[in-house]
């Protein structure tokens, strides 16, 4: 299965989500390939930190692919159970070519105006890709949401996303928590962190819920 983390907007958390999905899947005994298609190489650095700091943890395969990546992804899909792709946060050749072969597109959106203004363009790209890849599942969720329960931005973002019928809004909301940043700096998924604080446990539940939703909706 090819799962593409993609969005026209940079800084929405694609790399963090890609790494966490890969980390959770490999801990469930799945054979995972994490594909770096963003020249910022965030996921590649994460894998490098994982190998250096935690050599005894389950191995995550990783490769960098740029340009027209569709043929490479199809080939990798034949050899791995899950291919997680982190595409650059812009309208790139990597994003467009991955869209025509992925089984699921997962789009994180921060609850902010600049992020949400990309929705019409993403809808257009998705419609074009579906002419070639009609079975592609398209998911979106609110990422880096404020933990303040009085904040209304997350609900406004959910309403904006849900107005696009071509996009399936996931129930899971991922909140802005320090443990996500700490885990990324250590080459770990949040579910692998030893932190047992209430915030850490909430983050672990968020990631497990997100993965479960994606897999259940894709089957």
N, C-alpha and C. Protein backbone atom coordinates (compact mmCIF):
# COMPACT_ATOMS: atom_id res chain seq x y z
N UNK A 1 0.84 -1.19 0.00
CA UNK A 1 0.00 0.00 0.00
C UNK A 1 0.88 1.25 0.00
N UNK A 2 0.58 2.16 -0.88
CA UNK A 2 1.32 3.43 -0.97
C UNK A 2 0.50 4.50 -0.27
N UNK A 3 1.03 5.07 0.80
CA UNK A 3 0.37 6.14 1.54
C UNK A 3 1.19 7.41 1.33
N UNK A 4 0.58 8.39 0.70
CA UNK A 4 1.25 9.64 0.38
C UNK A 4 0.85 10.72 1.37
N UNK A 5 1.85 11.32 2.02
CA UNK A 5 1.63 12.50 2.83
C UNK A 5 1.90 13.69 1.94
N UNK A 6 0.84 14.41 1.58
CA UNK A 6 1.02 15.50 0.62
C UNK A 6 0.12 16.68 0.89
N UNK A 7 0.61 17.85 0.53
CA UNK A 7 -0.15 19.08 0.65
C UNK A 7 0.63 20.16 -0.07
N UNK A 8 -0.07 21.13 -0.61
CA UNK A 8 0.61 22.22 -1.29
C UNK A 8 1.33 23.13 -0.30
N UNK A 9 0.87 23.14 0.95
CA UNK A 9 1.41 24.06 1.96
C UNK A 9 2.52 23.39 2.75
N UNK A 10 3.67 24.05 2.82
CA UNK A 10 4.74 23.56 3.66
C UNK A 10 4.47 23.86 5.12
N UNK A 11 5.13 23.12 6.00
CA UNK A 11 5.01 23.38 7.42
C UNK A 11 3.74 22.86 8.07
N UNK A 12 3.01 22.01 7.36
CA UNK A 12 1.75 21.50 7.91
C UNK A 12 1.93 20.22 8.72
N UNK A 13 3.16 19.69 8.75
CA UNK A 13 3.43 18.51 9.57
C UNK A 13 3.50 17.20 8.83
N UNK A 14 3.67 17.23 7.51
CA UNK A 14 3.69 15.99 6.73
C UNK A 14 4.80 15.04 7.18
N UNK A 15 5.99 15.59 7.35
CA UNK A 15 7.14 14.74 7.69
C UNK A 15 6.96 14.09 9.06
N UNK A 16 6.48 14.84 10.01
CA UNK A 16 6.25 14.29 11.34
C UNK A 16 5.25 13.15 11.30
N UNK A 17 4.17 13.34 10.55
CA UNK A 17 3.15 12.30 10.44
C UNK A 17 3.71 11.09 9.69
N UNK A 18 4.46 11.32 8.62
CA UNK A 18 5.04 10.22 7.85
C UNK A 18 5.94 9.36 8.73
N UNK A 19 6.78 10.01 9.52
CA UNK A 19 7.70 9.27 10.39
C UNK A 19 6.94 8.50 11.46
N UNK A 20 5.92 9.10 12.04
CA UNK A 20 5.15 8.42 13.07
C UNK A 20 4.38 7.23 12.51
N UNK A 21 3.81 7.37 11.33
CA UNK A 21 3.11 6.24 10.71
C UNK A 21 4.08 5.10 10.45
N UNK A 22 5.26 5.44 9.90
CA UNK A 22 6.26 4.41 9.62
C UNK A 22 6.71 3.73 10.90
N UNK A 23 6.95 4.52 11.95
CA UNK A 23 7.39 3.95 13.22
C UNK A 23 6.35 3.03 13.83
N UNK A 24 5.09 3.42 13.76
CA UNK A 24 4.04 2.57 14.33
C UNK A 24 3.88 1.28 13.54
N UNK A 25 3.91 1.38 12.23
CA UNK A 25 3.73 0.19 11.40
C UNK A 25 4.85 -0.81 11.60
N UNK A 26 6.09 -0.32 11.67
CA UNK A 26 7.21 -1.25 11.82
C UNK A 26 7.16 -1.92 13.20
N UNK A 27 6.64 -1.24 14.19
CA UNK A 27 6.50 -1.85 15.52
C UNK A 27 5.37 -2.86 15.57
N UNK A 28 4.50 -2.83 14.58
CA UNK A 28 3.44 -3.83 14.47
C UNK A 28 3.88 -5.00 13.60
N UNK A 29 5.16 -5.03 13.25
CA UNK A 29 5.72 -6.13 12.48
C UNK A 29 5.55 -6.00 10.99
N UNK A 30 5.22 -4.79 10.53
CA UNK A 30 5.02 -4.58 9.10
C UNK A 30 6.34 -4.21 8.42
N UNK A 31 6.44 -4.56 7.15
CA UNK A 31 7.62 -4.24 6.35
C UNK A 31 7.37 -2.88 5.71
N UNK A 32 8.16 -1.88 6.10
CA UNK A 32 7.88 -0.49 5.73
C UNK A 32 9.04 0.13 4.96
N UNK A 33 8.71 0.88 3.92
CA UNK A 33 9.68 1.71 3.22
C UNK A 33 9.22 3.16 3.33
N UNK A 34 10.09 4.01 3.86
CA UNK A 34 9.81 5.43 3.99
C UNK A 34 10.52 6.16 2.86
N UNK A 35 9.75 6.80 1.99
CA UNK A 35 10.31 7.45 0.80
C UNK A 35 10.40 8.96 1.01
N UNK A 36 11.61 9.47 0.92
CA UNK A 36 11.86 10.90 1.03
C UNK A 36 11.76 11.54 -0.35
N UNK A 37 10.75 12.40 -0.54
CA UNK A 37 10.61 13.13 -1.81
C UNK A 37 10.56 14.63 -1.57
N UNK A 38 11.13 15.05 -0.46
CA UNK A 38 11.19 16.46 -0.09
C UNK A 38 12.66 16.81 0.12
N UNK A 39 13.15 17.81 -0.58
CA UNK A 39 14.56 18.15 -0.52
C UNK A 39 15.00 18.68 0.84
N UNK A 40 14.06 18.94 1.75
CA UNK A 40 14.44 19.32 3.11
C UNK A 40 14.94 18.10 3.90
N UNK A 41 14.72 16.92 3.38
CA UNK A 41 15.19 15.62 3.89
C UNK A 41 14.92 15.40 5.39
N UNK A 42 13.79 15.89 5.86
CA UNK A 42 13.45 15.71 7.27
C UNK A 42 13.32 14.25 7.66
N UNK A 43 12.64 13.46 6.81
CA UNK A 43 12.46 12.05 7.14
C UNK A 43 13.78 11.28 7.06
N UNK A 44 14.64 11.65 6.13
CA UNK A 44 15.94 10.98 6.03
C UNK A 44 16.78 11.26 7.27
N UNK A 45 16.75 12.49 7.77
CA UNK A 45 17.48 12.83 8.98
C UNK A 45 16.92 12.06 10.18
N UNK A 46 15.60 11.91 10.22
CA UNK A 46 14.96 11.16 11.29
C UNK A 46 15.41 9.70 11.29
N UNK A 47 15.44 9.09 10.12
CA UNK A 47 15.89 7.70 10.01
C UNK A 47 17.35 7.59 10.43
N UNK A 48 18.16 8.58 10.04
CA UNK A 48 19.57 8.58 10.43
C UNK A 48 19.75 8.67 11.94
N UNK A 49 18.96 9.54 12.57
CA UNK A 49 19.02 9.66 14.03
C UNK A 49 18.57 8.37 14.70
N UNK A 50 17.58 7.72 14.12
CA UNK A 50 17.08 6.46 14.68
C UNK A 50 18.17 5.39 14.65
N UNK A 51 18.86 5.27 13.52
CA UNK A 51 19.92 4.27 13.40
C UNK A 51 21.06 4.55 14.38
N UNK A 52 21.37 5.85 14.56
CA UNK A 52 22.49 6.22 15.42
C UNK A 52 22.16 6.11 16.90
N UNK A 53 21.00 6.61 17.29
CA UNK A 53 20.64 6.68 18.70
C UNK A 53 19.93 5.43 19.22
N UNK A 54 19.24 4.72 18.32
CA UNK A 54 18.45 3.56 18.77
C UNK A 54 18.64 2.38 17.81
N UNK A 55 19.87 1.87 17.72
CA UNK A 55 20.16 0.79 16.76
C UNK A 55 19.41 -0.50 17.04
N UNK A 56 18.90 -0.68 18.26
CA UNK A 56 18.19 -1.91 18.60
C UNK A 56 16.69 -1.83 18.32
N UNK A 57 16.21 -0.66 17.91
CA UNK A 57 14.80 -0.51 17.61
C UNK A 57 14.49 -1.08 16.22
N UNK A 58 13.24 -1.42 15.95
CA UNK A 58 12.90 -1.98 14.64
C UNK A 58 13.38 -1.10 13.49
N UNK A 59 13.97 -1.73 12.50
CA UNK A 59 14.56 -1.00 11.37
C UNK A 59 13.47 -0.47 10.43
N UNK A 60 13.67 0.76 10.00
CA UNK A 60 12.80 1.36 8.99
C UNK A 60 13.62 1.59 7.73
N UNK A 61 13.23 0.97 6.64
CA UNK A 61 13.91 1.17 5.36
C UNK A 61 13.60 2.58 4.86
N UNK A 62 14.57 3.19 4.21
CA UNK A 62 14.38 4.56 3.72
C UNK A 62 15.14 4.76 2.43
N UNK A 63 14.55 5.56 1.54
CA UNK A 63 15.20 5.87 0.27
C UNK A 63 14.75 7.26 -0.18
N UNK A 64 15.60 7.95 -0.90
CA UNK A 64 15.26 9.27 -1.45
C UNK A 64 14.93 9.12 -2.93
N UNK A 65 13.78 9.68 -3.32
CA UNK A 65 13.35 9.64 -4.71
C UNK A 65 12.82 11.02 -5.10
N UNK A 66 13.29 11.53 -6.25
CA UNK A 66 12.87 12.86 -6.67
C UNK A 66 12.47 12.85 -8.15
N UNK A 67 11.77 13.91 -8.54
CA UNK A 67 11.30 14.00 -9.92
C UNK A 67 10.04 13.18 -10.11
N UNK A 68 9.93 12.50 -11.25
CA UNK A 68 8.79 11.62 -11.49
C UNK A 68 9.00 10.33 -10.70
N UNK A 69 8.29 10.20 -9.61
CA UNK A 69 8.53 9.09 -8.69
C UNK A 69 7.56 7.93 -8.86
N UNK A 70 6.58 8.06 -9.78
CA UNK A 70 5.51 7.07 -9.87
C UNK A 70 6.01 5.66 -10.15
N UNK A 71 6.92 5.49 -11.11
CA UNK A 71 7.42 4.15 -11.43
C UNK A 71 8.17 3.55 -10.24
N UNK A 72 8.97 4.37 -9.57
CA UNK A 72 9.72 3.89 -8.42
C UNK A 72 8.79 3.45 -7.29
N UNK A 73 7.72 4.20 -7.08
CA UNK A 73 6.77 3.84 -6.01
C UNK A 73 6.03 2.55 -6.33
N UNK A 74 5.66 2.37 -7.57
CA UNK A 74 4.99 1.13 -7.98
C UNK A 74 5.92 -0.06 -7.75
N UNK A 75 7.19 0.11 -8.09
CA UNK A 75 8.16 -0.97 -7.87
C UNK A 75 8.34 -1.27 -6.39
N UNK A 76 8.44 -0.22 -5.57
CA UNK A 76 8.61 -0.42 -4.13
C UNK A 76 7.38 -1.08 -3.52
N UNK A 77 6.21 -0.76 -4.06
CA UNK A 77 4.97 -1.33 -3.55
C UNK A 77 4.92 -2.84 -3.74
N UNK A 78 5.64 -3.34 -4.71
CA UNK A 78 5.69 -4.79 -4.95
C UNK A 78 6.56 -5.50 -3.90
N UNK A 79 7.44 -4.74 -3.24
CA UNK A 79 8.43 -5.35 -2.35
C UNK A 79 8.22 -5.06 -0.87
N UNK A 80 7.35 -4.11 -0.58
CA UNK A 80 7.10 -3.74 0.81
C UNK A 80 5.61 -3.69 1.08
N UNK A 81 5.23 -4.01 2.33
CA UNK A 81 3.82 -3.96 2.68
C UNK A 81 3.29 -2.54 2.65
N UNK A 82 4.08 -1.62 3.16
CA UNK A 82 3.67 -0.21 3.21
C UNK A 82 4.79 0.67 2.69
N UNK A 83 4.43 1.56 1.78
CA UNK A 83 5.35 2.57 1.27
C UNK A 83 4.79 3.93 1.70
N UNK A 84 5.50 4.59 2.61
CA UNK A 84 5.07 5.88 3.13
C UNK A 84 5.88 6.96 2.42
N UNK A 85 5.19 7.88 1.75
CA UNK A 85 5.87 8.89 0.93
C UNK A 85 5.68 10.28 1.54
N UNK A 86 6.78 10.98 1.74
CA UNK A 86 6.75 12.36 2.23
C UNK A 86 7.10 13.28 1.07
N UNK A 87 6.09 13.96 0.51
CA UNK A 87 6.30 14.84 -0.63
C UNK A 87 6.48 16.28 -0.17
N UNK A 88 7.21 17.05 -0.96
CA UNK A 88 7.48 18.45 -0.62
C UNK A 88 6.19 19.25 -0.51
N UNK A 89 6.22 20.26 0.35
CA UNK A 89 5.04 21.10 0.58
C UNK A 89 4.87 22.17 -0.47
N UNK A 90 4.62 21.74 -1.68
CA UNK A 90 4.36 22.67 -2.78
C UNK A 90 3.79 21.86 -3.95
N UNK A 91 3.36 22.55 -4.98
CA UNK A 91 2.87 21.86 -6.19
C UNK A 91 4.10 21.38 -6.96
N UNK A 92 4.56 20.18 -6.63
CA UNK A 92 5.82 19.68 -7.16
C UNK A 92 5.60 18.51 -8.11
N UNK A 93 6.63 18.22 -8.88
CA UNK A 93 6.61 17.05 -9.76
C UNK A 93 6.46 15.78 -8.93
N UNK A 94 7.12 15.75 -7.76
CA UNK A 94 7.04 14.59 -6.88
C UNK A 94 5.61 14.36 -6.40
N UNK A 95 4.95 15.44 -5.98
CA UNK A 95 3.58 15.31 -5.48
C UNK A 95 2.64 14.85 -6.59
N UNK A 96 2.72 15.47 -7.74
CA UNK A 96 1.80 15.12 -8.83
C UNK A 96 2.02 13.69 -9.33
N UNK A 97 3.26 13.25 -9.42
CA UNK A 97 3.51 11.89 -9.92
C UNK A 97 3.13 10.85 -8.87
N UNK A 98 3.30 11.18 -7.60
CA UNK A 98 2.90 10.24 -6.55
C UNK A 98 1.38 10.11 -6.48
N UNK A 99 0.68 11.18 -6.79
CA UNK A 99 -0.78 11.16 -6.74
C UNK A 99 -1.39 10.15 -7.72
N UNK A 100 -0.70 9.88 -8.81
CA UNK A 100 -1.31 9.00 -9.82
C UNK A 100 -1.10 7.52 -9.53
N UNK A 101 -0.36 7.19 -8.45
CA UNK A 101 -0.15 5.78 -8.12
C UNK A 101 -0.46 5.44 -6.67
N UNK A 102 -0.65 6.43 -5.81
CA UNK A 102 -0.84 6.12 -4.39
C UNK A 102 -2.22 5.51 -4.13
N UNK A 103 -2.30 4.71 -3.09
CA UNK A 103 -3.58 4.15 -2.68
C UNK A 103 -4.33 5.10 -1.77
N UNK A 104 -3.58 5.91 -1.03
CA UNK A 104 -4.20 6.86 -0.12
C UNK A 104 -3.37 8.14 -0.06
N UNK A 105 -4.05 9.26 -0.19
CA UNK A 105 -3.45 10.57 0.03
C UNK A 105 -3.91 11.06 1.40
N UNK A 106 -2.96 11.41 2.25
CA UNK A 106 -3.27 11.92 3.58
C UNK A 106 -2.75 13.35 3.68
N UNK A 107 -3.65 14.29 3.93
CA UNK A 107 -3.30 15.70 3.95
C UNK A 107 -3.49 16.30 5.35
N UNK A 108 -2.40 16.66 6.02
CA UNK A 108 -2.54 17.39 7.28
C UNK A 108 -2.81 18.87 6.98
N UNK A 109 -3.68 19.48 7.76
CA UNK A 109 -3.94 20.91 7.65
C UNK A 109 -3.85 21.54 9.03
N UNK A 110 -2.98 22.51 9.17
CA UNK A 110 -2.98 23.30 10.39
C UNK A 110 -4.24 24.17 10.40
N UNK A 111 -4.81 24.46 11.55
CA UNK A 111 -6.03 25.28 11.60
C UNK A 111 -5.71 26.77 11.43
N UNK A 112 -5.26 27.10 10.22
CA UNK A 112 -4.88 28.49 9.93
C UNK A 112 -5.31 28.85 8.52
N UNK A 113 -5.54 30.13 8.29
CA UNK A 113 -5.96 30.61 6.98
C UNK A 113 -5.04 30.21 5.85
N UNK A 114 -3.70 30.43 5.97
CA UNK A 114 -2.78 30.07 4.88
C UNK A 114 -2.85 28.60 4.49
N UNK A 115 -3.02 27.72 5.46
CA UNK A 115 -3.14 26.29 5.15
C UNK A 115 -4.43 26.00 4.40
N UNK A 116 -5.52 26.54 4.89
CA UNK A 116 -6.83 26.21 4.34
C UNK A 116 -7.07 26.83 2.97
N UNK A 117 -6.34 27.90 2.65
CA UNK A 117 -6.51 28.50 1.33
C UNK A 117 -5.96 27.61 0.21
N UNK A 118 -5.21 26.57 0.57
CA UNK A 118 -4.71 25.64 -0.44
C UNK A 118 -5.74 24.60 -0.86
N UNK A 119 -6.85 24.54 -0.14
CA UNK A 119 -7.86 23.51 -0.42
C UNK A 119 -8.36 23.51 -1.87
N UNK A 120 -8.72 24.66 -2.45
CA UNK A 120 -9.20 24.63 -3.84
C UNK A 120 -8.17 24.08 -4.82
N UNK A 121 -6.90 24.44 -4.63
CA UNK A 121 -5.87 23.94 -5.54
C UNK A 121 -5.65 22.44 -5.34
N UNK A 122 -5.66 21.99 -4.09
CA UNK A 122 -5.51 20.57 -3.84
C UNK A 122 -6.68 19.79 -4.44
N UNK A 123 -7.88 20.34 -4.34
CA UNK A 123 -9.05 19.69 -4.95
C UNK A 123 -8.84 19.52 -6.44
N UNK A 124 -8.33 20.57 -7.09
CA UNK A 124 -8.09 20.50 -8.53
C UNK A 124 -7.05 19.44 -8.87
N UNK A 125 -5.96 19.37 -8.11
CA UNK A 125 -4.92 18.36 -8.35
C UNK A 125 -5.47 16.95 -8.14
N UNK A 126 -6.29 16.79 -7.11
CA UNK A 126 -6.86 15.47 -6.82
C UNK A 126 -7.79 15.02 -7.95
N UNK A 127 -8.61 15.93 -8.44
CA UNK A 127 -9.52 15.59 -9.53
C UNK A 127 -8.75 15.15 -10.77
N UNK A 128 -7.66 15.84 -11.07
CA UNK A 128 -6.85 15.46 -12.22
C UNK A 128 -6.22 14.10 -12.01
N UNK A 129 -5.70 13.85 -10.80
CA UNK A 129 -5.05 12.57 -10.52
C UNK A 129 -6.04 11.42 -10.58
N UNK A 130 -7.27 11.66 -10.16
CA UNK A 130 -8.27 10.61 -10.14
C UNK A 130 -8.69 10.17 -11.54
N UNK A 131 -8.39 10.95 -12.55
CA UNK A 131 -8.65 10.50 -13.92
C UNK A 131 -7.77 9.31 -14.27
N UNK A 132 -6.59 9.27 -13.64
CA UNK A 132 -5.65 8.17 -13.86
C UNK A 132 -5.71 7.16 -12.73
N UNK A 133 -6.01 7.65 -11.53
CA UNK A 133 -5.99 6.83 -10.32
C UNK A 133 -7.34 6.95 -9.59
N UNK A 134 -8.39 6.42 -10.20
CA UNK A 134 -9.74 6.63 -9.66
C UNK A 134 -10.00 6.00 -8.30
N UNK A 135 -9.22 4.99 -7.92
CA UNK A 135 -9.45 4.31 -6.66
C UNK A 135 -8.71 4.95 -5.48
N UNK A 136 -7.96 6.00 -5.73
CA UNK A 136 -7.23 6.66 -4.66
C UNK A 136 -8.18 7.18 -3.58
N UNK A 137 -7.87 6.87 -2.32
CA UNK A 137 -8.60 7.41 -1.19
C UNK A 137 -7.97 8.74 -0.79
N UNK A 138 -8.80 9.70 -0.43
CA UNK A 138 -8.29 11.03 -0.10
C UNK A 138 -8.76 11.41 1.31
N UNK A 139 -7.79 11.60 2.20
CA UNK A 139 -8.10 11.92 3.58
C UNK A 139 -7.45 13.24 3.99
N UNK A 140 -8.08 13.91 4.93
CA UNK A 140 -7.50 15.11 5.53
C UNK A 140 -7.83 15.12 7.01
N UNK A 141 -7.00 15.79 7.77
CA UNK A 141 -7.26 15.94 9.20
C UNK A 141 -6.62 17.22 9.69
N UNK A 142 -7.08 17.69 10.83
CA UNK A 142 -6.53 18.90 11.43
C UNK A 142 -5.30 18.51 12.25
N UNK A 143 -4.19 19.17 11.97
CA UNK A 143 -2.92 18.86 12.62
C UNK A 143 -2.41 20.08 13.39
N UNK A 144 -1.62 19.83 14.42
CA UNK A 144 -1.06 20.91 15.25
C UNK A 144 -2.15 21.82 15.79
N UNK A 145 -3.24 21.24 16.19
CA UNK A 145 -4.36 22.01 16.74
C UNK A 145 -4.01 22.50 18.15
N UNK A 146 -4.50 23.66 18.54
CA UNK A 146 -4.26 24.14 19.91
C UNK A 146 -4.87 23.19 20.92
N UNK A 147 -4.19 22.99 22.04
CA UNK A 147 -4.72 22.14 23.10
C UNK A 147 -5.76 22.87 23.94
N UNK A 148 -5.85 24.18 23.78
CA UNK A 148 -6.85 24.98 24.50
C UNK A 148 -8.24 24.61 24.00
N UNK A 149 -9.05 24.06 24.86
CA UNK A 149 -10.39 23.59 24.45
C UNK A 149 -11.32 24.74 24.08
N UNK A 150 -10.95 25.96 24.46
CA UNK A 150 -11.79 27.11 24.12
C UNK A 150 -11.50 27.65 22.73
N UNK A 151 -10.41 27.19 22.12
CA UNK A 151 -10.03 27.69 20.80
C UNK A 151 -10.98 27.13 19.74
N UNK A 152 -11.45 27.99 18.86
CA UNK A 152 -12.45 27.60 17.86
C UNK A 152 -11.84 27.36 16.47
N UNK A 153 -10.53 27.60 16.34
CA UNK A 153 -9.91 27.49 15.02
C UNK A 153 -9.99 26.07 14.45
N UNK A 154 -9.84 25.07 15.32
CA UNK A 154 -9.85 23.69 14.84
C UNK A 154 -11.22 23.31 14.26
N UNK A 155 -12.28 23.74 14.94
CA UNK A 155 -13.62 23.43 14.44
C UNK A 155 -13.89 24.15 13.13
N UNK A 156 -13.41 25.38 13.02
CA UNK A 156 -13.56 26.13 11.76
C UNK A 156 -12.82 25.43 10.63
N UNK A 157 -11.63 24.91 10.95
CA UNK A 157 -10.85 24.19 9.94
C UNK A 157 -11.57 22.92 9.50
N UNK A 158 -12.14 22.20 10.45
CA UNK A 158 -12.88 20.98 10.12
C UNK A 158 -14.08 21.30 9.22
N UNK A 159 -14.74 22.38 9.49
CA UNK A 159 -15.88 22.79 8.65
C UNK A 159 -15.43 23.12 7.24
N UNK A 160 -14.29 23.81 7.12
CA UNK A 160 -13.77 24.18 5.80
C UNK A 160 -13.39 22.94 5.00
N UNK A 161 -12.71 22.00 5.65
CA UNK A 161 -12.30 20.77 4.96
C UNK A 161 -13.51 19.93 4.54
N UNK A 162 -14.48 19.82 5.44
CA UNK A 162 -15.64 18.97 5.17
C UNK A 162 -16.53 19.50 4.05
N UNK A 163 -16.32 20.74 3.63
CA UNK A 163 -17.12 21.31 2.54
C UNK A 163 -16.68 20.78 1.18
N UNK A 164 -15.56 20.03 1.14
CA UNK A 164 -15.05 19.47 -0.12
C UNK A 164 -15.42 17.98 -0.17
N UNK A 165 -16.36 17.65 -1.00
CA UNK A 165 -16.89 16.29 -1.04
C UNK A 165 -15.87 15.26 -1.50
N UNK A 166 -14.86 15.69 -2.22
CA UNK A 166 -13.86 14.76 -2.73
C UNK A 166 -12.88 14.33 -1.64
N UNK A 167 -12.91 15.04 -0.50
CA UNK A 167 -11.98 14.79 0.60
C UNK A 167 -12.72 14.20 1.79
N UNK A 168 -12.20 13.11 2.35
CA UNK A 168 -12.76 12.49 3.54
C UNK A 168 -12.08 13.09 4.77
N UNK A 169 -12.86 13.81 5.59
CA UNK A 169 -12.32 14.38 6.82
C UNK A 169 -12.26 13.30 7.89
N UNK A 170 -11.06 13.04 8.39
CA UNK A 170 -10.90 12.04 9.43
C UNK A 170 -11.35 12.60 10.78
N UNK A 171 -11.80 11.70 11.65
CA UNK A 171 -12.29 12.12 12.97
C UNK A 171 -11.15 12.57 13.88
N UNK A 172 -9.99 11.97 13.68
CA UNK A 172 -8.85 12.27 14.56
C UNK A 172 -8.33 13.68 14.34
N UNK A 173 -8.09 14.39 15.43
CA UNK A 173 -7.40 15.67 15.41
C UNK A 173 -6.10 15.51 16.17
N UNK A 174 -5.01 15.95 15.56
CA UNK A 174 -3.70 15.87 16.19
C UNK A 174 -3.35 17.25 16.74
N UNK A 175 -2.98 17.28 18.02
CA UNK A 175 -2.75 18.56 18.68
C UNK A 175 -1.25 18.92 18.75
N UNK A 176 -1.02 20.18 18.98
CA UNK A 176 0.35 20.70 19.07
C UNK A 176 0.92 20.32 20.44
N UNK A 177 1.79 19.30 20.45
CA UNK A 177 2.36 18.82 21.70
C UNK A 177 3.87 18.69 21.55
N UNK A 178 4.58 19.02 22.60
CA UNK A 178 6.05 19.01 22.55
C UNK A 178 6.61 17.62 22.24
N UNK A 179 5.93 16.58 22.67
CA UNK A 179 6.47 15.23 22.47
C UNK A 179 6.65 14.89 21.00
N UNK A 180 5.86 15.49 20.12
CA UNK A 180 6.05 15.24 18.69
C UNK A 180 7.42 15.76 18.25
N UNK A 181 7.79 16.94 18.72
CA UNK A 181 9.09 17.51 18.38
C UNK A 181 10.22 16.71 19.03
N UNK A 182 10.03 16.32 20.28
CA UNK A 182 11.05 15.53 20.98
C UNK A 182 11.28 14.19 20.29
N UNK A 183 10.21 13.53 19.89
CA UNK A 183 10.33 12.24 19.22
C UNK A 183 11.06 12.37 17.89
N UNK A 184 10.74 13.41 17.13
CA UNK A 184 11.40 13.62 15.84
C UNK A 184 12.89 13.82 16.02
N UNK A 185 13.30 14.52 17.07
CA UNK A 185 14.73 14.78 17.30
C UNK A 185 15.48 13.53 17.71
N UNK A 186 14.75 12.50 18.17
CA UNK A 186 15.38 11.25 18.62
C UNK A 186 15.26 10.12 17.60
N UNK A 187 14.58 10.37 16.50
CA UNK A 187 14.39 9.30 15.53
C UNK A 187 13.37 8.27 15.96
N UNK A 188 12.39 8.71 16.75
CA UNK A 188 11.38 7.80 17.26
C UNK A 188 9.98 8.26 16.88
N UNK A 189 9.04 7.31 16.88
CA UNK A 189 7.63 7.65 16.83
C UNK A 189 7.20 7.98 18.26
N UNK A 190 6.16 8.77 18.42
CA UNK A 190 5.73 9.13 19.77
C UNK A 190 5.33 7.88 20.56
N UNK A 191 4.85 6.87 19.88
CA UNK A 191 4.44 5.64 20.56
C UNK A 191 5.63 4.86 21.11
N UNK A 192 6.85 5.22 20.70
CA UNK A 192 8.05 4.57 21.20
C UNK A 192 8.69 5.33 22.36
N UNK A 193 8.20 6.51 22.63
CA UNK A 193 8.76 7.34 23.70
C UNK A 193 8.36 6.77 25.07
N UNK A 194 9.25 6.91 26.05
CA UNK A 194 8.99 6.38 27.39
C UNK A 194 8.19 7.36 28.25
N UNK A 195 8.00 8.56 27.79
CA UNK A 195 7.26 9.59 28.53
C UNK A 195 5.83 9.09 28.82
N UNK A 196 5.43 9.12 30.08
CA UNK A 196 4.10 8.65 30.47
C UNK A 196 3.20 9.80 30.95
N UNK A 197 3.58 11.03 30.65
CA UNK A 197 2.76 12.16 31.06
C UNK A 197 1.42 12.13 30.33
N UNK A 198 0.46 12.87 30.85
CA UNK A 198 -0.87 12.88 30.23
C UNK A 198 -0.81 13.40 28.80
N UNK A 199 0.03 14.41 28.55
CA UNK A 199 0.16 14.95 27.20
C UNK A 199 0.78 13.93 26.26
N UNK A 200 1.79 13.22 26.75
CA UNK A 200 2.45 12.20 25.93
C UNK A 200 1.49 11.06 25.60
N UNK A 201 0.72 10.62 26.58
CA UNK A 201 -0.23 9.54 26.35
C UNK A 201 -1.32 9.98 25.37
N UNK A 202 -1.71 11.25 25.46
CA UNK A 202 -2.71 11.78 24.53
C UNK A 202 -2.16 11.77 23.10
N UNK A 203 -0.88 12.13 22.95
CA UNK A 203 -0.26 12.13 21.63
C UNK A 203 -0.20 10.71 21.06
N UNK A 204 0.16 9.75 21.90
CA UNK A 204 0.22 8.36 21.46
C UNK A 204 -1.15 7.87 21.01
N UNK A 205 -2.18 8.25 21.74
CA UNK A 205 -3.54 7.86 21.36
C UNK A 205 -3.96 8.51 20.05
N UNK A 206 -3.53 9.76 19.86
CA UNK A 206 -3.85 10.45 18.61
C UNK A 206 -3.24 9.72 17.41
N UNK A 207 -1.98 9.33 17.53
CA UNK A 207 -1.31 8.68 16.42
C UNK A 207 -1.90 7.30 16.13
N UNK A 208 -2.20 6.55 17.19
CA UNK A 208 -2.81 5.24 16.99
C UNK A 208 -4.18 5.38 16.34
N UNK A 209 -4.93 6.38 16.75
CA UNK A 209 -6.25 6.63 16.18
C UNK A 209 -6.14 7.02 14.71
N UNK A 210 -5.16 7.87 14.40
CA UNK A 210 -4.98 8.31 13.01
C UNK A 210 -4.62 7.14 12.11
N UNK A 211 -3.68 6.32 12.55
CA UNK A 211 -3.28 5.15 11.75
C UNK A 211 -4.46 4.21 11.54
N UNK A 212 -5.20 3.94 12.59
CA UNK A 212 -6.34 3.03 12.49
C UNK A 212 -7.37 3.56 11.52
N UNK A 213 -7.64 4.85 11.58
CA UNK A 213 -8.61 5.44 10.65
C UNK A 213 -8.16 5.29 9.20
N UNK A 214 -6.90 5.60 8.95
CA UNK A 214 -6.36 5.53 7.58
C UNK A 214 -6.47 4.11 7.04
N UNK A 215 -6.05 3.14 7.85
CA UNK A 215 -6.05 1.75 7.38
C UNK A 215 -7.48 1.22 7.21
N UNK A 216 -8.34 1.53 8.14
CA UNK A 216 -9.73 1.06 8.05
C UNK A 216 -10.45 1.66 6.87
N UNK A 217 -10.19 2.93 6.59
CA UNK A 217 -10.85 3.60 5.47
C UNK A 217 -10.30 3.15 4.12
N UNK A 218 -9.06 2.66 4.13
CA UNK A 218 -8.41 2.27 2.87
C UNK A 218 -8.75 0.84 2.48
N UNK A 219 -9.00 0.00 3.47
CA UNK A 219 -9.31 -1.42 3.18
C UNK A 219 -10.61 -1.55 2.41
